[in-house]
Amino acid sequence: MTVKRTFTKEEKLQILKEVEQEGVKATLEKHGIYPATYYSWKKKFEQMGEAGFQHGMTPAHIKEIKRLEKENELLKKLLAEKEIEGHLKTEMLKKKYSWARKRSLQ
């Protein structure tokens, strides 16, 4: 009977780095890891970075995170558009009423 070994986040990151240097097959044999496990770790790391190795991270969490990231991007774009719009209005008013400022300075 084989005992299932659990790897810490740091160990997983080290193994991912080691694979880049020594190759997939050699590294997996050295640590006794199945290829499916390695590719699962790699996918989680690519999608979520180190946070993907936290306990309880599921595809549903990933989906929700992606949705929130898209929403956040949209809100950032809307805010940027509003700021540009406000800046343009200010510039237009300055140009439109520049004659009034010139008179008050005289």
PDB file of N, CA and C in Angstrom:
ATOM      1  N   MET A   1       0.843  -1.178   0.000  1.00  0.00           N
ATOM      2  CA  MET A   1       0.000   0.000   0.000  1.00  0.00           C
ATOM      3  C   MET A   1       0.896   1.252   0.000  1.00  0.00           C
ATOM      4  N   THR A   2       0.583   2.173  -0.884  1.00  0.00           N
ATOM      5  CA  THR A   2       1.362   3.407  -0.951  1.00  0.00           C
ATOM      6  C   THR A   2       0.674   4.489  -0.136  1.00  0.00           C
ATOM      7  N   VAL A   3       1.494   5.326   0.456  1.00  0.00           N
ATOM      8  CA  VAL A   3       0.983   6.423   1.264  1.00  0.00           C
ATOM      9  C   VAL A   3       0.937   7.673   0.390  1.00  0.00           C
ATOM     10  N   LYS A   4      -0.184   8.351   0.410  1.00  0.00           N
ATOM     11  CA  LYS A   4      -0.319   9.566  -0.371  1.00  0.00           C
ATOM     12  C   LYS A   4       0.452  10.687   0.323  1.00  0.00           C
ATOM     13  N   ARG A   5       1.362  11.281  -0.407  1.00  0.00           N
ATOM     14  CA  ARG A   5       2.181  12.352   0.153  1.00  0.00           C
ATOM     15  C   ARG A   5       1.587  13.695  -0.235  1.00  0.00           C
ATOM     16  N   THR A   6       1.583  14.604   0.688  1.00  0.00           N
ATOM     17  CA  THR A   6       1.137  15.956   0.377  1.00  0.00           C
ATOM     18  C   THR A   6       2.359  16.858   0.310  1.00  0.00           C
ATOM     19  N   PHE A   7       2.310  17.775  -0.631  1.00  0.00           N
ATOM     20  CA  PHE A   7       3.415  18.698  -0.843  1.00  0.00           C
ATOM     21  C   PHE A   7       2.991  20.093  -0.392  1.00  0.00           C
ATOM     22  N   THR A   8       3.917  20.810   0.196  1.00  0.00           N
ATOM     23  CA  THR A   8       3.636  22.191   0.588  1.00  0.00           C
ATOM     24  C   THR A   8       3.664  23.072  -0.656  1.00  0.00           C
ATOM     25  N   LYS A   9       3.161  24.273  -0.500  1.00  0.00           N
ATOM     26  CA  LYS A   9       3.170  25.233  -1.609  1.00  0.00           C
ATOM     27  C   LYS A   9       4.602  25.459  -2.100  1.00  0.00           C
ATOM     28  N   GLU A  10       5.532  25.603  -1.163  1.00  0.00           N
ATOM     29  CA  GLU A  10       6.930  25.844  -1.520  1.00  0.00           C
ATOM     30  C   GLU A  10       7.516  24.662  -2.290  1.00  0.00           C
ATOM     31  N   GLU A  11       7.183  23.445  -1.860  1.00  0.00           N
ATOM     32  CA  GLU A  11       7.682  22.252  -2.552  1.00  0.00           C
ATOM     33  C   GLU A  11       7.133  22.183  -3.975  1.00  0.00           C
ATOM     34  N   LYS A  12       5.865  22.508  -4.133  1.00  0.00           N
ATOM     35  CA  LYS A  12       5.259  22.496  -5.469  1.00  0.00           C
ATOM     36  C   LYS A  12       5.940  23.508  -6.377  1.00  0.00           C
ATOM     37  N   LEU A  13       6.185  24.703  -5.849  1.00  0.00           N
ATOM     38  CA  LEU A  13       6.855  25.737  -6.639  1.00  0.00           C
ATOM     39  C   LEU A  13       8.267  25.295  -7.019  1.00  0.00           C
ATOM     40  N   GLN A  14       8.968  24.672  -6.084  1.00  0.00           N
ATOM     41  CA  GLN A  14      10.325  24.196  -6.350  1.00  0.00           C
ATOM     42  C   GLN A  14      10.312  23.123  -7.437  1.00  0.00           C
ATOM     43  N   ILE A  15       9.339  22.229  -7.375  1.00  0.00           N
ATOM     44  CA  ILE A  15       9.237  21.163  -8.380  1.00  0.00           C
ATOM     45  C   ILE A  15       8.935  21.767  -9.746  1.00  0.00           C
ATOM     46  N   LEU A  16       8.053  22.759  -9.803  1.00  0.00           N
ATOM     47  CA  LEU A  16       7.752  23.415 -11.082  1.00  0.00           C
ATOM     48  C   LEU A  16       9.008  24.059 -11.675  1.00  0.00           C
ATOM     49  N   LYS A  17       9.822  24.667 -10.833  1.00  0.00           N
ATOM     50  CA  LYS A  17      11.079  25.262 -11.308  1.00  0.00           C
ATOM     51  C   LYS A  17      12.063  24.183 -11.748  1.00  0.00           C
ATOM     52  N   GLU A  18      12.106  23.117 -10.984  1.00  0.00           N
ATOM     53  CA  GLU A  18      13.037  22.021 -11.285  1.00  0.00           C
ATOM     54  C   GLU A  18      12.722  21.380 -12.628  1.00  0.00           C
ATOM     55  N   VAL A  19      11.441  21.284 -12.947  1.00  0.00           N
ATOM     56  CA  VAL A  19      11.022  20.698 -14.224  1.00  0.00           C
ATOM     57  C   VAL A  19      11.598  21.504 -15.388  1.00  0.00           C
ATOM     58  N   GLU A  20      11.617  22.823 -15.245  1.00  0.00           N
ATOM     59  CA  GLU A  20      12.160  23.670 -16.308  1.00  0.00           C
ATOM     60  C   GLU A  20      13.643  23.388 -16.539  1.00  0.00           C
ATOM     61  N   GLN A  21      14.352  23.042 -15.484  1.00  0.00           N
ATOM     62  CA  GLN A  21      15.794  22.822 -15.589  1.00  0.00           C
ATOM     63  C   GLN A  21      16.146  21.385 -15.979  1.00  0.00           C
ATOM     64  N   GLU A  22      15.466  20.422 -15.383  1.00  0.00           N
ATOM     65  CA  GLU A  22      15.853  19.012 -15.555  1.00  0.00           C
ATOM     66  C   GLU A  22      14.905  18.209 -16.435  1.00  0.00           C
ATOM     67  N   GLY A  23      13.775  18.782 -16.800  1.00  0.00           N
ATOM     68  CA  GLY A  23      12.817  18.050 -17.623  1.00  0.00           C
ATOM     69  C   GLY A  23      11.719  17.417 -16.787  1.00  0.00           C
ATOM     70  N   VAL A  24      10.605  17.181 -17.441  1.00  0.00           N
ATOM     71  CA  VAL A  24       9.421  16.673 -16.753  1.00  0.00           C
ATOM     72  C   VAL A  24       9.642  15.258 -16.229  1.00  0.00           C
ATOM     73  N   LYS A  25      10.029  14.355 -17.111  1.00  0.00           N
ATOM     74  CA  LYS A  25      10.109  12.945 -16.742  1.00  0.00           C
ATOM     75  C   LYS A  25      11.090  12.703 -15.583  1.00  0.00           C
ATOM     76  N   ALA A  26      12.287  13.276 -15.694  1.00  0.00           N
ATOM     77  CA  ALA A  26      13.308  13.060 -14.647  1.00  0.00           C
ATOM     78  C   ALA A  26      12.854  13.607 -13.301  1.00  0.00           C
ATOM     79  N   THR A  27      12.255  14.794 -13.319  1.00  0.00           N
ATOM     80  CA  THR A  27      11.820  15.417 -12.064  1.00  0.00           C
ATOM     81  C   THR A  27      10.670  14.640 -11.427  1.00  0.00           C
ATOM     82  N   LEU A  28       9.712  14.222 -12.239  1.00  0.00           N
ATOM     83  CA  LEU A  28       8.569  13.488 -11.694  1.00  0.00           C
ATOM     84  C   LEU A  28       8.997  12.144 -11.117  1.00  0.00           C
ATOM     85  N   GLU A  29       9.906  11.465 -11.792  1.00  0.00           N
ATOM     86  CA  GLU A  29      10.401  10.186 -11.263  1.00  0.00           C
ATOM     87  C   GLU A  29      11.164  10.406  -9.960  1.00  0.00           C
ATOM     88  N   LYS A  30      11.958  11.459  -9.909  1.00  0.00           N
ATOM     89  CA  LYS A  30      12.749  11.761  -8.715  1.00  0.00           C
ATOM     90  C   LYS A  30      11.861  11.970  -7.490  1.00  0.00           C
ATOM     91  N   HIS A  31      10.726  12.663  -7.690  1.00  0.00           N
ATOM     92  CA  HIS A  31       9.844  12.992  -6.570  1.00  0.00           C
ATOM     93  C   HIS A  31       8.661  12.036  -6.427  1.00  0.00           C
ATOM     94  N   GLY A  32       8.516  11.099  -7.361  1.00  0.00           N
ATOM     95  CA  GLY A  32       7.417  10.138  -7.299  1.00  0.00           C
ATOM     96  C   GLY A  32       6.057  10.777  -7.529  1.00  0.00           C
ATOM     97  N   ILE A  33       5.997  11.646  -8.505  1.00  0.00           N
ATOM     98  CA  ILE A  33       4.753  12.374  -8.802  1.00  0.00           C
ATOM     99  C   ILE A  33       4.188  11.882 -10.129  1.00  0.00           C
ATOM    100  N   TYR A  34       2.880  11.704 -10.184  1.00  0.00           N
ATOM    101  CA  TYR A  34       2.231  11.341 -11.436  1.00  0.00           C
ATOM    102  C   TYR A  34       2.183  12.553 -12.367  1.00  0.00           C
ATOM    103  N   PRO A  35       2.289  12.311 -13.667  1.00  0.00           N
ATOM    104  CA  PRO A  35       2.222  13.434 -14.612  1.00  0.00           C
ATOM    105  C   PRO A  35       0.935  14.255 -14.481  1.00  0.00           C
ATOM    106  N   ALA A  36      -0.184  13.584 -14.235  1.00  0.00           N
ATOM    107  CA  ALA A  36      -1.452  14.313 -14.086  1.00  0.00           C
ATOM    108  C   ALA A  36      -1.384  15.301 -12.923  1.00  0.00           C
ATOM    109  N   THR A  37      -0.730  14.891 -11.855  1.00  0.00           N
ATOM    110  CA  THR A  37      -0.576  15.774 -10.700  1.00  0.00           C
ATOM    111  C   THR A  37       0.264  16.984 -11.070  1.00  0.00           C
ATOM    112  N   TYR A  38       1.376  16.734 -11.744  1.00  0.00           N
ATOM    113  CA  TYR A  38       2.242  17.834 -12.164  1.00  0.00           C
ATOM    114  C   TYR A  38       1.497  18.818 -13.058  1.00  0.00           C
ATOM    115  N   TYR A  39       0.790  18.310 -14.060  1.00  0.00           N
ATOM    116  CA  TYR A  39       0.101  19.200 -14.993  1.00  0.00           C
ATOM    117  C   TYR A  39      -1.046  19.952 -14.314  1.00  0.00           C
ATOM    118  N   SER A  40      -1.645  19.333 -13.306  1.00  0.00           N
ATOM    119  CA  SER A  40      -2.664  20.028 -12.520  1.00  0.00           C
ATOM    120  C   SER A  40      -2.040  21.193 -11.762  1.00  0.00           C
ATOM    121  N   TRP A  41      -0.893  20.966 -11.138  1.00  0.00           N
ATOM    122  CA  TRP A  41      -0.180  22.038 -10.428  1.00  0.00           C
ATOM    123  C   TRP A  41       0.210  23.148 -11.390  1.00  0.00           C
ATOM    124  N   LYS A  42       0.722  22.746 -12.538  1.00  0.00           N
ATOM    125  CA  LYS A  42       1.188  23.725 -13.535  1.00  0.00           C
ATOM    126  C   LYS A  42       0.022  24.608 -13.998  1.00  0.00           C
ATOM    127  N   LYS A  43      -1.124  23.995 -14.262  1.00  0.00           N
ATOM    128  CA  LYS A  43      -2.298  24.734 -14.711  1.00  0.00           C
ATOM    129  C   LYS A  43      -2.764  25.711 -13.632  1.00  0.00           C
ATOM    130  N   LYS A  44      -2.827  25.230 -12.396  1.00  0.00           N
ATOM    131  CA  LYS A  44      -3.247  26.105 -11.292  1.00  0.00           C
ATOM    132  C   LYS A  44      -2.292  27.282 -11.145  1.00  0.00           C
ATOM    133  N   PHE A  45      -0.991  27.003 -11.257  1.00  0.00           N
ATOM    134  CA  PHE A  45       0.007  28.071 -11.116  1.00  0.00           C
ATOM    135  C   PHE A  45      -0.119  29.079 -12.256  1.00  0.00           C
ATOM    136  N   GLU A  46      -0.338  28.603 -13.480  1.00  0.00           N
ATOM    137  CA  GLU A  46      -0.472  29.499 -14.626  1.00  0.00           C
ATOM    138  C   GLU A  46      -1.730  30.352 -14.529  1.00  0.00           C
ATOM    139  N   GLN A  47      -2.801  29.773 -14.016  1.00  0.00           N
ATOM    140  CA  GLN A  47      -4.068  30.496 -13.931  1.00  0.00           C
ATOM    141  C   GLN A  47      -4.133  31.459 -12.756  1.00  0.00           C
ATOM    142  N   MET A  48      -3.603  31.037 -11.605  1.00  0.00           N
ATOM    143  CA  MET A  48      -3.801  31.826 -10.392  1.00  0.00           C
ATOM    144  C   MET A  48      -2.523  32.162  -9.644  1.00  0.00           C
ATOM    145  N   GLY A  49      -1.385  31.742 -10.151  1.00  0.00           N
ATOM    146  CA  GLY A  49      -0.157  31.991  -9.433  1.00  0.00           C
ATOM    147  C   GLY A  49      -0.093  31.144  -8.171  1.00  0.00           C
ATOM    148  N   GLU A  50       0.615  31.642  -7.171  1.00  0.00           N
ATOM    149  CA  GLU A  50       0.793  30.882  -5.932  1.00  0.00           C
ATOM    150  C   GLU A  50      -0.525  30.662  -5.201  1.00  0.00           C
ATOM    151  N   ALA A  51      -1.490  31.534  -5.401  1.00  0.00           N
ATOM    152  CA  ALA A  51      -2.793  31.392  -4.736  1.00  0.00           C
ATOM    153  C   ALA A  51      -3.496  30.098  -5.152  1.00  0.00           C
ATOM    154  N   GLY A  52      -3.174  29.586  -6.321  1.00  0.00           N
ATOM    155  CA  GLY A  52      -3.784  28.346  -6.799  1.00  0.00           C
ATOM    156  C   GLY A  52      -3.443  27.145  -5.945  1.00  0.00           C
ATOM    157  N   PHE A  53      -2.374  27.253  -5.156  1.00  0.00           N
ATOM    158  CA  PHE A  53      -1.965  26.134  -4.312  1.00  0.00           C
ATOM    159  C   PHE A  53      -2.596  26.186  -2.928  1.00  0.00           C
ATOM    160  N   GLN A  54      -3.422  27.187  -2.669  1.00  0.00           N
ATOM    161  CA  GLN A  54      -4.084  27.259  -1.365  1.00  0.00           C
ATOM    162  C   GLN A  54      -5.142  26.177  -1.280  1.00  0.00           C
ATOM    163  N   HIS A  55      -5.326  25.688  -0.088  1.00  0.00           N
ATOM    164  CA  HIS A  55      -6.294  24.617   0.140  1.00  0.00           C
ATOM    165  C   HIS A  55      -7.706  25.092  -0.202  1.00  0.00           C
ATOM    166  N   GLY A  56      -8.448  24.253  -0.892  1.00  0.00           N
ATOM    167  CA  GLY A  56      -9.842  24.553  -1.168  1.00  0.00           C
ATOM    168  C   GLY A  56     -10.088  25.323  -2.448  1.00  0.00           C
ATOM    169  N   MET A  57      -9.053  25.642  -3.217  1.00  0.00           N
ATOM    170  CA  MET A  57      -9.253  26.376  -4.462  1.00  0.00           C
ATOM    171  C   MET A  57      -9.849  25.398  -5.483  1.00  0.00           C
ATOM    172  N   THR A  58     -11.048  25.714  -5.942  1.00  0.00           N
ATOM    173  CA  THR A  58     -11.762  24.826  -6.854  1.00  0.00           C
ATOM    174  C   THR A  58     -12.015  25.532  -8.178  1.00  0.00           C
ATOM    175  N   PRO A  59     -12.425  24.782  -9.178  1.00  0.00           N
ATOM    176  CA  PRO A  59     -12.767  25.426 -10.453  1.00  0.00           C
ATOM    177  C   PRO A  59     -13.864  26.490 -10.298  1.00  0.00           C
ATOM    178  N   ALA A  60     -14.785  26.278  -9.361  1.00  0.00           N
ATOM    179  CA  ALA A  60     -15.835  27.284  -9.129  1.00  0.00           C
ATOM    180  C   ALA A  60     -15.219  28.576  -8.595  1.00  0.00           C
ATOM    181  N   HIS A  61     -14.226  28.454  -7.717  1.00  0.00           N
ATOM    182  CA  HIS A  61     -13.537  29.641  -7.209  1.00  0.00           C
ATOM    183  C   HIS A  61     -12.807  30.349  -8.344  1.00  0.00           C
ATOM    184  N   ILE A  62     -12.167  29.566  -9.182  1.00  0.00           N
ATOM    185  CA  ILE A  62     -11.441  30.139 -10.317  1.00  0.00           C
ATOM    186  C   ILE A  62     -12.399  30.904 -11.218  1.00  0.00           C
ATOM    187  N   LYS A  63     -13.543  30.287 -11.491  1.00  0.00           N
ATOM    188  CA  LYS A  63     -14.535  30.922 -12.356  1.00  0.00           C
ATOM    189  C   LYS A  63     -15.021  32.237 -11.749  1.00  0.00           C
ATOM    190  N   GLU A  64     -15.275  32.241 -10.453  1.00  0.00           N
ATOM    191  CA  GLU A  64     -15.730  33.453  -9.774  1.00  0.00           C
ATOM    192  C   GLU A  64     -14.637  34.524  -9.790  1.00  0.00           C
ATOM    193  N   ILE A  65     -13.408  34.119  -9.579  1.00  0.00           N
ATOM    194  CA  ILE A  65     -12.292  35.076  -9.619  1.00  0.00           C
ATOM    195  C   ILE A  65     -12.188  35.695 -11.000  1.00  0.00           C
ATOM    196  N   LYS A  66     -12.280  34.886 -12.033  1.00  0.00           N
ATOM    197  CA  LYS A  66     -12.211  35.399 -13.412  1.00  0.00           C
ATOM    198  C   LYS A  66     -13.347  36.389 -13.672  1.00  0.00           C
ATOM    199  N   ARG A  67     -14.558  36.043 -13.190  1.00  0.00           N
ATOM    200  CA  ARG A  67     -15.704  36.932 -13.391  1.00  0.00           C
ATOM    201  C   ARG A  67     -15.470  38.271 -12.699  1.00  0.00           C
ATOM    202  N   LEU A  68     -14.965  38.210 -11.476  1.00  0.00           N
ATOM    203  CA  LEU A  68     -14.696  39.439 -10.733  1.00  0.00           C
ATOM    204  C   LEU A  68     -13.584  40.262 -11.372  1.00  0.00           C
ATOM    205  N   GLU A  69     -12.581  39.586 -11.929  1.00  0.00           N
ATOM    206  CA  GLU A  69     -11.509  40.302 -12.623  1.00  0.00           C
ATOM    207  C   GLU A  69     -12.043  41.038 -13.848  1.00  0.00           C
ATOM    208  N   LYS A  70     -12.934  40.380 -14.611  1.00  0.00           N
ATOM    209  CA  LYS A  70     -13.539  41.025 -15.783  1.00  0.00           C
ATOM    210  C   LYS A  70     -14.373  42.233 -15.357  1.00  0.00           C
ATOM    211  N   GLU A  71     -15.152  42.061 -14.297  1.00  0.00           N
ATOM    212  CA  GLU A  71     -15.969  43.158 -13.787  1.00  0.00           C
ATOM    213  C   GLU A  71     -15.084  44.320 -13.338  1.00  0.00           C
ATOM    214  N   ASN A  72     -13.989  44.006 -12.668  1.00  0.00           N
ATOM    215  CA  ASN A  72     -13.065  45.024 -12.197  1.00  0.00           C
ATOM    216  C   ASN A  72     -12.461  45.790 -13.380  1.00  0.00           C
ATOM    217  N   GLU A  73     -12.076  45.087 -14.428  1.00  0.00           N
ATOM    218  CA  GLU A  73     -11.529  45.739 -15.625  1.00  0.00           C
ATOM    219  C   GLU A  73     -12.550  46.684 -16.238  1.00  0.00           C
ATOM    220  N   LEU A  74     -13.803  46.238 -16.313  1.00  0.00           N
ATOM    221  CA  LEU A  74     -14.861  47.080 -16.877  1.00  0.00           C
ATOM    222  C   LEU A  74     -15.040  48.337 -16.040  1.00  0.00           C
ATOM    223  N   LEU A  75     -15.052  48.186 -14.728  1.00  0.00           N
ATOM    224  CA  LEU A  75     -15.208  49.349 -13.849  1.00  0.00           C
ATOM    225  C   LEU A  75     -14.030  50.307 -13.978  1.00  0.00           C
ATOM    226  N   LYS A  76     -12.829  49.781 -14.134  1.00  0.00           N
ATOM    227  CA  LYS A  76     -11.659  50.630 -14.325  1.00  0.00           C
ATOM    228  C   LYS A  76     -11.780  51.424 -15.629  1.00  0.00           C
ATOM    229  N   LYS A  77     -12.242  50.767 -16.692  1.00  0.00           N
ATOM    230  CA  LYS A  77     -12.417  51.450 -17.980  1.00  0.00           C
ATOM    231  C   LYS A  77     -13.463  52.552 -17.869  1.00  0.00           C
ATOM    232  N   LEU A  78     -14.578  52.242 -17.196  1.00  0.00           N
ATOM    233  CA  LEU A  78     -15.632  53.245 -17.027  1.00  0.00           C
ATOM    234  C   LEU A  78     -15.132  54.446 -16.238  1.00  0.00           C
ATOM    235  N   LEU A  79     -14.382  54.187 -15.180  1.00  0.00           N
ATOM    236  CA  LEU A  79     -13.824  55.266 -14.373  1.00  0.00           C
ATOM    237  C   LEU A  79     -12.862  56.116 -15.195  1.00  0.00           C
ATOM    238  N   ALA A  80     -12.011  55.463 -15.981  1.00  0.00           N
ATOM    239  CA  ALA A  80     -11.062  56.196 -16.821  1.00  0.00           C
ATOM    240  C   ALA A  80     -11.798  57.065 -17.833  1.00  0.00           C
ATOM    241  N   GLU A  81     -12.856  56.530 -18.427  1.00  0.00           N
ATOM    242  CA  GLU A  81     -13.645  57.308 -19.393  1.00  0.00           C
ATOM    243  C   GLU A  81     -14.280  58.528 -18.731  1.00  0.00           C
ATOM    244  N   LYS A  82     -14.804  58.345 -17.525  1.00  0.00           N
ATOM    245  CA  LYS A  82     -15.413  59.467 -16.804  1.00  0.00           C
ATOM    246  C   LYS A  82     -14.367  60.529 -16.475  1.00  0.00           C
ATOM    247  N   GLU A  83     -13.177  60.105 -16.080  1.00  0.00           N
ATOM    248  CA  GLU A  83     -12.118  61.064 -15.762  1.00  0.00           C
ATOM    249  C   GLU A  83     -11.702  61.834 -17.003  1.00  0.00           C
ATOM    250  N   ILE A  84     -11.581  61.144 -18.131  1.00  0.00           N
ATOM    251  CA  ILE A  84     -11.222  61.815 -19.385  1.00  0.00           C
ATOM    252  C   ILE A  84     -12.326  62.787 -19.785  1.00  0.00           C
ATOM    253  N   GLU A  85     -13.558  62.348 -19.652  1.00  0.00           N
ATOM    254  CA  GLU A  85     -14.703  63.197 -19.989  1.00  0.00           C
ATOM    255  C   GLU A  85     -14.689  64.472 -19.140  1.00  0.00           C
ATOM    256  N   GLY A  86     -14.467  64.340 -17.850  1.00  0.00           N
ATOM    257  CA  GLY A  86     -14.407  65.491 -16.958  1.00  0.00           C
ATOM    258  C   GLY A  86     -13.262  66.417 -17.314  1.00  0.00           C
ATOM    259  N   HIS A  87     -12.121  65.841 -17.644  1.00  0.00           N
ATOM    260  CA  HIS A  87     -10.958  66.644 -18.033  1.00  0.00           C
ATOM    261  C   HIS A  87     -11.242  67.407 -19.326  1.00  0.00           C
ATOM    262  N   LEU A  88     -11.868  66.743 -20.289  1.00  0.00           N
ATOM    263  CA  LEU A  88     -12.190  67.409 -21.554  1.00  0.00           C
ATOM    264  C   LEU A  88     -13.188  68.549 -21.354  1.00  0.00           C
ATOM    265  N   LYS A  89     -14.173  68.331 -20.498  1.00  0.00           N
ATOM    266  CA  LYS A  89     -15.146  69.388 -20.214  1.00  0.00           C
ATOM    267  C   LYS A  89     -14.451  70.598 -19.588  1.00  0.00           C
ATOM    268  N   THR A  90     -13.551  70.338 -18.665  1.00  0.00           N
ATOM    269  CA  THR A  90     -12.807  71.427 -18.017  1.00  0.00           C
ATOM    270  C   THR A  90     -11.999  72.198 -19.049  1.00  0.00           C
ATOM    271  N   GLU A  91     -11.331  71.496 -19.932  1.00  0.00           N
ATOM    272  CA  GLU A  91     -10.532  72.155 -20.975  1.00  0.00           C
ATOM    273  C   GLU A  91     -11.418  72.953 -21.921  1.00  0.00           C
ATOM    274  N   MET A  92     -12.558  72.406 -22.271  1.00  0.00           N
ATOM    275  CA  MET A  92     -13.488  73.111 -23.174  1.00  0.00           C
ATOM    276  C   MET A  92     -13.984  74.392 -22.512  1.00  0.00           C
ATOM    277  N   LEU A  93     -14.313  74.319 -21.226  1.00  0.00           N
ATOM    278  CA  LEU A  93     -14.779  75.510 -20.513  1.00  0.00           C
ATOM    279  C   LEU A  93     -13.688  76.556 -20.435  1.00  0.00           C
ATOM    280  N   LYS A  94     -12.454  76.141 -20.224  1.00  0.00           N
ATOM    281  CA  LYS A  94     -11.342  77.079 -20.185  1.00  0.00           C
ATOM    282  C   LYS A  94     -11.210  77.802 -21.516  1.00  0.00           C
ATOM    283  N   LYS A  95     -11.330  77.071 -22.614  1.00  0.00           N
ATOM    284  CA  LYS A  95     -11.221  77.679 -23.936  1.00  0.00           C
ATOM    285  C   LYS A  95     -12.415  78.583 -24.229  1.00  0.00           C
ATOM    286  N   LYS A  96     -13.592  78.113 -23.862  1.00  0.00           N
ATOM    287  CA  LYS A  96     -14.810  78.852 -24.163  1.00  0.00           C
ATOM    288  C   LYS A  96     -14.845  80.180 -23.412  1.00  0.00           C
ATOM    289  N   TYR A  97     -14.403  80.186 -22.183  1.00  0.00           N
ATOM    290  CA  TYR A  97     -14.479  81.404 -21.368  1.00  0.00           C
ATOM    291  C   TYR A  97     -13.112  82.064 -21.167  1.00  0.00           C
ATOM    292  N   SER A  98     -12.212  81.818 -22.087  1.00  0.00           N
ATOM    293  CA  SER A  98     -10.888  82.431 -21.960  1.00  0.00           C
ATOM    294  C   SER A  98     -10.973  83.941 -22.089  1.00  0.00           C
ATOM    295  N   TRP A  99     -11.933  84.464 -22.839  1.00  0.00           N
ATOM    296  CA  TRP A  99     -12.103  85.919 -22.989  1.00  0.00           C
ATOM    297  C   TRP A  99     -12.448  86.571 -21.654  1.00  0.00           C
ATOM    298  N   ALA A 100     -13.208  85.849 -20.803  1.00  0.00           N
ATOM    299  CA  ALA A 100     -13.602  86.406 -19.507  1.00  0.00           C
ATOM    300  C   ALA A 100     -12.388  86.505 -18.580  1.00  0.00           C
ATOM    301  N   ARG A 101     -11.528  85.535 -18.653  1.00  0.00           N
ATOM    302  CA  ARG A 101     -10.328  85.579 -17.831  1.00  0.00           C
ATOM    303  C   ARG A 101      -9.398  86.688 -18.275  1.00  0.00           C
ATOM    304  N   LYS A 102      -9.305  86.901 -19.567  1.00  0.00           N
ATOM    305  CA  LYS A 102      -8.420  87.957 -20.087  1.00  0.00           C
ATOM    306  C   LYS A 102      -8.907  89.317 -19.619  1.00  0.00           C
ATOM    307  N   ARG A 103     -10.205  89.552 -19.599  1.00  0.00           N
ATOM    308  CA  ARG A 103     -10.751  90.835 -19.159  1.00  0.00           C
ATOM    309  C   ARG A 103     -10.495  91.081 -17.682  1.00  0.00           C
ATOM    310  N   SER A 104     -10.668  90.005 -16.897  1.00  0.00           N
ATOM    311  CA  SER A 104     -10.489  90.175 -15.459  1.00  0.00           C
ATOM    312  C   SER A 104      -9.044  90.433 -15.090  1.00  0.00           C
ATOM    313  N   LEU A 105      -8.124  90.015 -15.939  1.00  0.00           N
ATOM    314  CA  LEU A 105      -6.703  90.259 -15.676  1.00  0.00           C
ATOM    315  C   LEU A 105      -6.298  91.693 -16.029  1.00  0.00           C
ATOM    316  N   GLN A 106      -7.064  92.354 -16.897  1.00  0.00           N
ATOM    317  CA  GLN A 106      -6.716  93.712 -17.328  1.00  0.00           C
ATOM    318  C   GLN A 106      -7.144  94.771 -16.371  1.00  0.00           C
TER     319      GLN A 106
END
